[in-house]
């Protein structure tokens, strides 16, 4: 039930008393939030609990959203703090590894059985696996820039780092990702280059 409203329009109307519209934001961002939370914990039940907590916190703090960045950027800061707080309470180490089966399940939910779709999913799984081999910081930068489609400025706001520094770190993270892919998936990478 999308009304075609922008995130900012929905937020404005929710703050004016139309609380039911918040469900549209949840619908738009539940997959995004869940995928990001999985970067902090590879436990599906924990990820679901943290994701629910993120939306409760974002609803309660909606008046604090100033619109200086995209809603997804603001939401990511809540994902990050909620995940870290949850994991500290459970006294778990944060991890950057993906729960590959969960990601494959999420990626395959929409897929049909067309050969090109299956091939595309295989490429995504390979990239996700390569990302999981990176350090937490590198994996976070790659995920924010490519998966969450955040700009350098938005990533800088999220991480509290200057955009120029983010640009340098992202360049290095991409190089390390390329190295991981060539080392662990050399055959697949060669096949992609030949196509």
C-alpha atoms as a PDB file:
ATOM      1  CA  UNK A   1       0.000   0.000   0.000  1.00  0.00           C
ATOM      2  CA  UNK A   2       2.400   2.685  -1.204  1.00  0.00           C
ATOM      3  CA  UNK A   3       0.863   6.119  -1.486  1.00  0.00           C
ATOM      4  CA  UNK A   4       3.759   7.532  -3.492  1.00  0.00           C
ATOM      5  CA  UNK A   5       4.726   9.837  -0.642  1.00  0.00           C
ATOM      6  CA  UNK A   6       8.384  10.640  -0.040  1.00  0.00           C
ATOM      7  CA  UNK A   7      10.001   9.675   3.251  1.00  0.00           C
ATOM      8  CA  UNK A   8       9.984  13.319   4.375  1.00  0.00           C
ATOM      9  CA  UNK A   9       6.277  13.704   3.528  1.00  0.00           C
ATOM     10  CA  UNK A  10       5.427  10.574   5.496  1.00  0.00           C
ATOM     11  CA  UNK A  11       7.509  11.744   8.463  1.00  0.00           C
ATOM     12  CA  UNK A  12       5.845  15.157   8.409  1.00  0.00           C
ATOM     13  CA  UNK A  13       2.365  13.596   8.375  1.00  0.00           C
ATOM     14  CA  UNK A  14       3.257  11.095  11.129  1.00  0.00           C
ATOM     15  CA  UNK A  15       4.465  13.983  13.291  1.00  0.00           C
ATOM     16  CA  UNK A  16       1.179  15.791  12.577  1.00  0.00           C
ATOM     17  CA  UNK A  17      -0.783  12.852  13.995  1.00  0.00           C
ATOM     18  CA  UNK A  18      -1.131  10.296  11.198  1.00  0.00           C
ATOM     19  CA  UNK A  19       0.814   7.615  13.103  1.00  0.00           C
ATOM     20  CA  UNK A  20      -0.497   4.829  10.873  1.00  0.00           C
ATOM     21  CA  UNK A  21       1.641   6.097   7.990  1.00  0.00           C
ATOM     22  CA  UNK A  22       4.760   5.028   9.890  1.00  0.00           C
ATOM     23  CA  UNK A  23       3.971   1.477   8.738  1.00  0.00           C
ATOM     24  CA  UNK A  24       4.934   2.586   5.210  1.00  0.00           C
ATOM     25  CA  UNK A  25       8.414   3.547   6.413  1.00  0.00           C
ATOM     26  CA  UNK A  26       8.724   0.189   8.152  1.00  0.00           C
ATOM     27  CA  UNK A  27       7.687  -1.575   4.949  1.00  0.00           C
ATOM     28  CA  UNK A  28      10.160   0.428   2.847  1.00  0.00           C
ATOM     29  CA  UNK A  29      13.102  -0.094   5.156  1.00  0.00           C
ATOM     30  CA  UNK A  30      12.568  -3.413   6.948  1.00  0.00           C
ATOM     31  CA  UNK A  31      14.759  -5.358   4.486  1.00  0.00           C
ATOM     32  CA  UNK A  32      17.424  -2.632   4.559  1.00  0.00           C
ATOM     33  CA  UNK A  33      17.493  -2.594   8.375  1.00  0.00           C
ATOM     34  CA  UNK A  34      17.512  -6.385   8.695  1.00  0.00           C
ATOM     35  CA  UNK A  35      20.382  -6.730   6.197  1.00  0.00           C
ATOM     36  CA  UNK A  36      22.430  -4.079   7.999  1.00  0.00           C
ATOM     37  CA  UNK A  37      21.770  -5.642  11.402  1.00  0.00           C
ATOM     38  CA  UNK A  38      23.055  -8.959  10.037  1.00  0.00           C
ATOM     39  CA  UNK A  39      26.424  -7.215   9.523  1.00  0.00           C
ATOM     40  CA  UNK A  40      26.665  -6.885  13.303  1.00  0.00           C
ATOM     41  CA  UNK A  41      25.319 -10.288  14.300  1.00  0.00           C
ATOM     42  CA  UNK A  42      25.003 -13.476  12.316  1.00  0.00           C
ATOM     43  CA  UNK A  43      22.162 -14.719  14.517  1.00  0.00           C
ATOM     44  CA  UNK A  44      18.809 -14.413  12.742  1.00  0.00           C
ATOM     45  CA  UNK A  45      16.756 -14.220  15.966  1.00  0.00           C
ATOM     46  CA  UNK A  46      18.983 -11.474  17.374  1.00  0.00           C
ATOM     47  CA  UNK A  47      18.781  -9.622  14.042  1.00  0.00           C
ATOM     48  CA  UNK A  48      14.976  -9.752  14.102  1.00  0.00           C
ATOM     49  CA  UNK A  49      14.884  -8.490  17.690  1.00  0.00           C
ATOM     50  CA  UNK A  50      17.342  -5.673  16.983  1.00  0.00           C
ATOM     51  CA  UNK A  51      15.430  -4.709  13.805  1.00  0.00           C
ATOM     52  CA  UNK A  52      12.185  -4.368  15.767  1.00  0.00           C
ATOM     53  CA  UNK A  53      14.011  -2.286  18.359  1.00  0.00           C
ATOM     54  CA  UNK A  54      15.378  -0.031  15.596  1.00  0.00           C
ATOM     55  CA  UNK A  55      11.874   0.768  14.337  1.00  0.00           C
ATOM     56  CA  UNK A  56      10.549   1.379  17.861  1.00  0.00           C
ATOM     57  CA  UNK A  57      13.441   3.772  18.549  1.00  0.00           C
ATOM     58  CA  UNK A  58      13.074   5.492  15.182  1.00  0.00           C
ATOM     59  CA  UNK A  59       9.345   6.012  15.787  1.00  0.00           C
ATOM     60  CA  UNK A  60       9.992   7.490  19.231  1.00  0.00           C
ATOM     61  CA  UNK A  61      12.782   9.720  17.886  1.00  0.00           C
ATOM     62  CA  UNK A  62      11.114  10.717  14.621  1.00  0.00           C
ATOM     63  CA  UNK A  63      10.846  14.345  15.753  1.00  0.00           C
ATOM     64  CA  UNK A  64      14.671  14.400  15.945  1.00  0.00           C
ATOM     65  CA  UNK A  65      15.002  13.667  12.208  1.00  0.00           C
ATOM     66  CA  UNK A  66      15.972  17.039  10.743  1.00  0.00           C
ATOM     67  CA  UNK A  67      16.057  16.016   7.100  1.00  0.00           C
ATOM     68  CA  UNK A  68      19.688  17.086   6.616  1.00  0.00           C
ATOM     69  CA  UNK A  69      20.461  13.630   5.240  1.00  0.00           C
ATOM     70  CA  UNK A  70      18.435  10.796   3.754  1.00  0.00           C
ATOM     71  CA  UNK A  71      16.132   8.969   6.149  1.00  0.00           C
ATOM     72  CA  UNK A  72      18.138   5.787   5.476  1.00  0.00           C
ATOM     73  CA  UNK A  73      21.316   7.515   6.723  1.00  0.00           C
ATOM     74  CA  UNK A  74      19.594   8.590   9.927  1.00  0.00           C
ATOM     75  CA  UNK A  75      18.125   5.103  10.284  1.00  0.00           C
ATOM     76  CA  UNK A  76      21.572   3.541   9.888  1.00  0.00           C
ATOM     77  CA  UNK A  77      22.852   5.439  12.927  1.00  0.00           C
ATOM     78  CA  UNK A  78      20.025   3.885  14.950  1.00  0.00           C
ATOM     79  CA  UNK A  79      20.843   0.449  13.498  1.00  0.00           C
ATOM     80  CA  UNK A  80      24.471   0.863  14.488  1.00  0.00           C
ATOM     81  CA  UNK A  81      23.896   2.058  18.054  1.00  0.00           C
ATOM     82  CA  UNK A  82      21.066  -0.433  18.666  1.00  0.00           C
ATOM     83  CA  UNK A  83      23.156  -3.333  17.386  1.00  0.00           C
ATOM     84  CA  UNK A  84      26.199  -2.417  19.434  1.00  0.00           C
ATOM     85  CA  UNK A  85      24.108  -1.849  22.574  1.00  0.00           C
ATOM     86  CA  UNK A  86      22.295  -5.163  22.115  1.00  0.00           C
ATOM     87  CA  UNK A  87      25.539  -7.062  21.576  1.00  0.00           C
ATOM     88  CA  UNK A  88      27.190  -5.430  24.576  1.00  0.00           C
ATOM     89  CA  UNK A  89      24.257  -6.435  26.744  1.00  0.00           C
ATOM     90  CA  UNK A  90      24.615 -10.003  25.525  1.00  0.00           C
ATOM     91  CA  UNK A  91      28.399  -9.703  25.894  1.00  0.00           C
ATOM     92  CA  UNK A  92      28.973 -10.883  22.358  1.00  0.00           C
ATOM     93  CA  UNK A  93      31.705  -9.795  19.993  1.00  0.00           C
ATOM     94  CA  UNK A  94      30.530  -7.869  16.960  1.00  0.00           C
ATOM     95  CA  UNK A  95      31.266  -9.665  13.747  1.00  0.00           C
ATOM     96  CA  UNK A  96      31.314  -8.657  10.120  1.00  0.00           C
ATOM     97  CA  UNK A  97      30.696 -12.094   8.678  1.00  0.00           C
ATOM     98  CA  UNK A  98      27.472 -12.645   6.813  1.00  0.00           C
ATOM     99  CA  UNK A  99      25.122 -15.451   7.606  1.00  0.00           C
ATOM    100  CA  UNK A 100      25.394 -16.744   4.072  1.00  0.00           C
ATOM    101  CA  UNK A 101      22.294 -18.928   4.222  1.00  0.00           C
ATOM    102  CA  UNK A 102      20.174 -16.016   5.429  1.00  0.00           C
ATOM    103  CA  UNK A 103      21.509 -13.732   2.689  1.00  0.00           C
ATOM    104  CA  UNK A 104      20.957 -16.384   0.039  1.00  0.00           C
ATOM    105  CA  UNK A 105      17.424 -16.872   1.337  1.00  0.00           C
ATOM    106  CA  UNK A 106      16.769 -13.126   1.243  1.00  0.00           C
ATOM    107  CA  UNK A 107      18.230 -12.783  -2.226  1.00  0.00           C
ATOM    108  CA  UNK A 108      16.304 -15.770  -3.557  1.00  0.00           C
ATOM    109  CA  UNK A 109      12.919 -14.726  -2.146  1.00  0.00           C
ATOM    110  CA  UNK A 110      12.107 -12.733  -5.253  1.00  0.00           C
ATOM    111  CA  UNK A 111      13.889 -14.932  -7.767  1.00  0.00           C
ATOM    112  CA  UNK A 112      12.232 -17.034 -10.385  1.00  0.00           C
ATOM    113  CA  UNK A 113      13.938 -19.939 -11.998  1.00  0.00           C
ATOM    114  CA  UNK A 114      15.369 -18.092 -14.987  1.00  0.00           C
ATOM    115  CA  UNK A 115      18.982 -18.985 -15.666  1.00  0.00           C
ATOM    116  CA  UNK A 116      20.152 -15.366 -15.731  1.00  0.00           C
ATOM    117  CA  UNK A 117      18.441 -14.642 -12.394  1.00  0.00           C
ATOM    118  CA  UNK A 118      20.085 -17.646 -10.776  1.00  0.00           C
ATOM    119  CA  UNK A 119      23.443 -16.605 -12.226  1.00  0.00           C
ATOM    120  CA  UNK A 120      22.949 -13.087 -10.842  1.00  0.00           C
ATOM    121  CA  UNK A 121      22.161 -14.503  -7.389  1.00  0.00           C
ATOM    122  CA  UNK A 122      25.319 -16.592  -7.563  1.00  0.00           C
ATOM    123  CA  UNK A 123      27.358 -13.454  -8.314  1.00  0.00           C
ATOM    124  CA  UNK A 124      25.745 -11.668  -5.363  1.00  0.00           C
ATOM    125  CA  UNK A 125      26.500 -14.599  -3.069  1.00  0.00           C
ATOM    126  CA  UNK A 126      30.124 -14.608  -4.245  1.00  0.00           C
ATOM    127  CA  UNK A 127      30.474 -10.861  -3.595  1.00  0.00           C
ATOM    128  CA  UNK A 128      28.779 -11.180  -0.192  1.00  0.00           C
ATOM    129  CA  UNK A 129      31.135 -13.998   0.726  1.00  0.00           C
ATOM    130  CA  UNK A 130      34.131 -11.916  -0.351  1.00  0.00           C
ATOM    131  CA  UNK A 131      32.837  -8.966   1.712  1.00  0.00           C
ATOM    132  CA  UNK A 132      32.557 -11.270   4.731  1.00  0.00           C
ATOM    133  CA  UNK A 133      36.297 -11.968   4.428  1.00  0.00           C
ATOM    134  CA  UNK A 134      37.132  -8.267   4.862  1.00  0.00           C
ATOM    135  CA  UNK A 135      37.758  -6.496   8.155  1.00  0.00           C
ATOM    136  CA  UNK A 136      34.684  -5.073   9.900  1.00  0.00           C
ATOM    137  CA  UNK A 137      35.589  -1.501   8.870  1.00  0.00           C
ATOM    138  CA  UNK A 138      36.152  -2.397   5.209  1.00  0.00           C
ATOM    139  CA  UNK A 139      32.966  -4.483   5.046  1.00  0.00           C
ATOM    140  CA  UNK A 140      30.999  -1.636   6.621  1.00  0.00           C
ATOM    141  CA  UNK A 141      32.282   0.921   4.108  1.00  0.00           C
ATOM    142  CA  UNK A 142      31.602  -1.333   1.108  1.00  0.00           C
ATOM    143  CA  UNK A 143      28.111  -2.145   2.410  1.00  0.00           C
ATOM    144  CA  UNK A 144      27.205   1.474   3.116  1.00  0.00           C
ATOM    145  CA  UNK A 145      28.410   2.713  -0.262  1.00  0.00           C
ATOM    146  CA  UNK A 146      27.216  -0.078  -2.562  1.00  0.00           C
ATOM    147  CA  UNK A 147      24.385  -1.867  -0.758  1.00  0.00           C
ATOM    148  CA  UNK A 148      22.879   0.993   1.232  1.00  0.00           C
ATOM    149  CA  UNK A 149      23.736   3.490  -1.542  1.00  0.00           C
ATOM    150  CA  UNK A 150      24.969   6.158   0.850  1.00  0.00           C
ATOM    151  CA  UNK A 151      27.066   9.044  -0.476  1.00  0.00           C
ATOM    152  CA  UNK A 152      30.581   9.750   0.818  1.00  0.00           C
ATOM    153  CA  UNK A 153      29.156  12.699   2.773  1.00  0.00           C
ATOM    154  CA  UNK A 154      26.438  10.535   4.343  1.00  0.00           C
ATOM    155  CA  UNK A 155      28.922   7.819   5.277  1.00  0.00           C
ATOM    156  CA  UNK A 156      31.074  10.551   6.799  1.00  0.00           C
ATOM    157  CA  UNK A 157      28.111  11.710   8.902  1.00  0.00           C
ATOM    158  CA  UNK A 158      27.358   8.149  10.001  1.00  0.00           C
ATOM    159  CA  UNK A 159      30.925   7.293  10.963  1.00  0.00           C
ATOM    160  CA  UNK A 160      32.055  10.747  12.074  1.00  0.00           C
ATOM    161  CA  UNK A 161      34.850  10.847   9.493  1.00  0.00           C
ATOM    162  CA  UNK A 162      35.612  13.479   6.841  1.00  0.00           C
ATOM    163  CA  UNK A 163      34.290  12.572   3.351  1.00  0.00           C
ATOM    164  CA  UNK A 164      37.794  12.805   1.830  1.00  0.00           C
ATOM    165  CA  UNK A 165      39.033  10.268   4.377  1.00  0.00           C
ATOM    166  CA  UNK A 166      36.044   8.049   3.547  1.00  0.00           C
ATOM    167  CA  UNK A 167      36.986   8.285  -0.152  1.00  0.00           C
ATOM    168  CA  UNK A 168      40.533   7.076   0.586  1.00  0.00           C
ATOM    169  CA  UNK A 169      39.353   4.311   2.936  1.00  0.00           C
ATOM    170  CA  UNK A 170      36.725   3.180   0.417  1.00  0.00           C
ATOM    171  CA  UNK A 171      39.347   3.045  -2.353  1.00  0.00           C
ATOM    172  CA  UNK A 172      41.558   0.850  -0.152  1.00  0.00           C
ATOM    173  CA  UNK A 173      38.599  -1.324   0.893  1.00  0.00           C
ATOM    174  CA  UNK A 174      37.675  -1.853  -2.781  1.00  0.00           C
ATOM    175  CA  UNK A 175      41.247  -2.914  -3.526  1.00  0.00           C
ATOM    176  CA  UNK A 176      41.213  -5.382  -0.619  1.00  0.00           C
ATOM    177  CA  UNK A 177      37.836  -6.708  -1.839  1.00  0.00           C
ATOM    178  CA  UNK A 178      39.277  -7.166  -5.330  1.00  0.00           C
ATOM    179  CA  UNK A 179      42.271  -9.006  -3.839  1.00  0.00           C
ATOM    180  CA  UNK A 180      39.970 -11.294  -1.802  1.00  0.00           C
ATOM    181  CA  UNK A 181      37.863 -12.061  -4.858  1.00  0.00           C
ATOM    182  CA  UNK A 182      40.916 -12.852  -6.989  1.00  0.00           C
ATOM    183  CA  UNK A 183      42.380 -15.037  -4.245  1.00  0.00           C
ATOM    184  CA  UNK A 184      39.230 -16.947  -3.240  1.00  0.00           C
ATOM    185  CA  UNK A 185      37.143 -16.803  -6.415  1.00  0.00           C
ATOM    186  CA  UNK A 186      39.756 -16.626  -9.189  1.00  0.00           C
ATOM    187  CA  UNK A 187      37.863 -18.970 -11.535  1.00  0.00           C
ATOM    188  CA  UNK A 188      34.571 -17.107 -11.131  1.00  0.00           C
ATOM    189  CA  UNK A 189      36.235 -13.695 -11.554  1.00  0.00           C
ATOM    190  CA  UNK A 190      37.954 -14.882 -14.756  1.00  0.00           C
ATOM    191  CA  UNK A 191      34.591 -16.132 -16.105  1.00  0.00           C
ATOM    192  CA  UNK A 192      32.999 -12.733 -15.374  1.00  0.00           C
ATOM    193  CA  UNK A 193      35.825 -10.908 -17.154  1.00  0.00           C
ATOM    194  CA  UNK A 194      35.501 -13.182 -20.198  1.00  0.00           C
ATOM    195  CA  UNK A 195      31.752 -12.423 -20.554  1.00  0.00           C
END
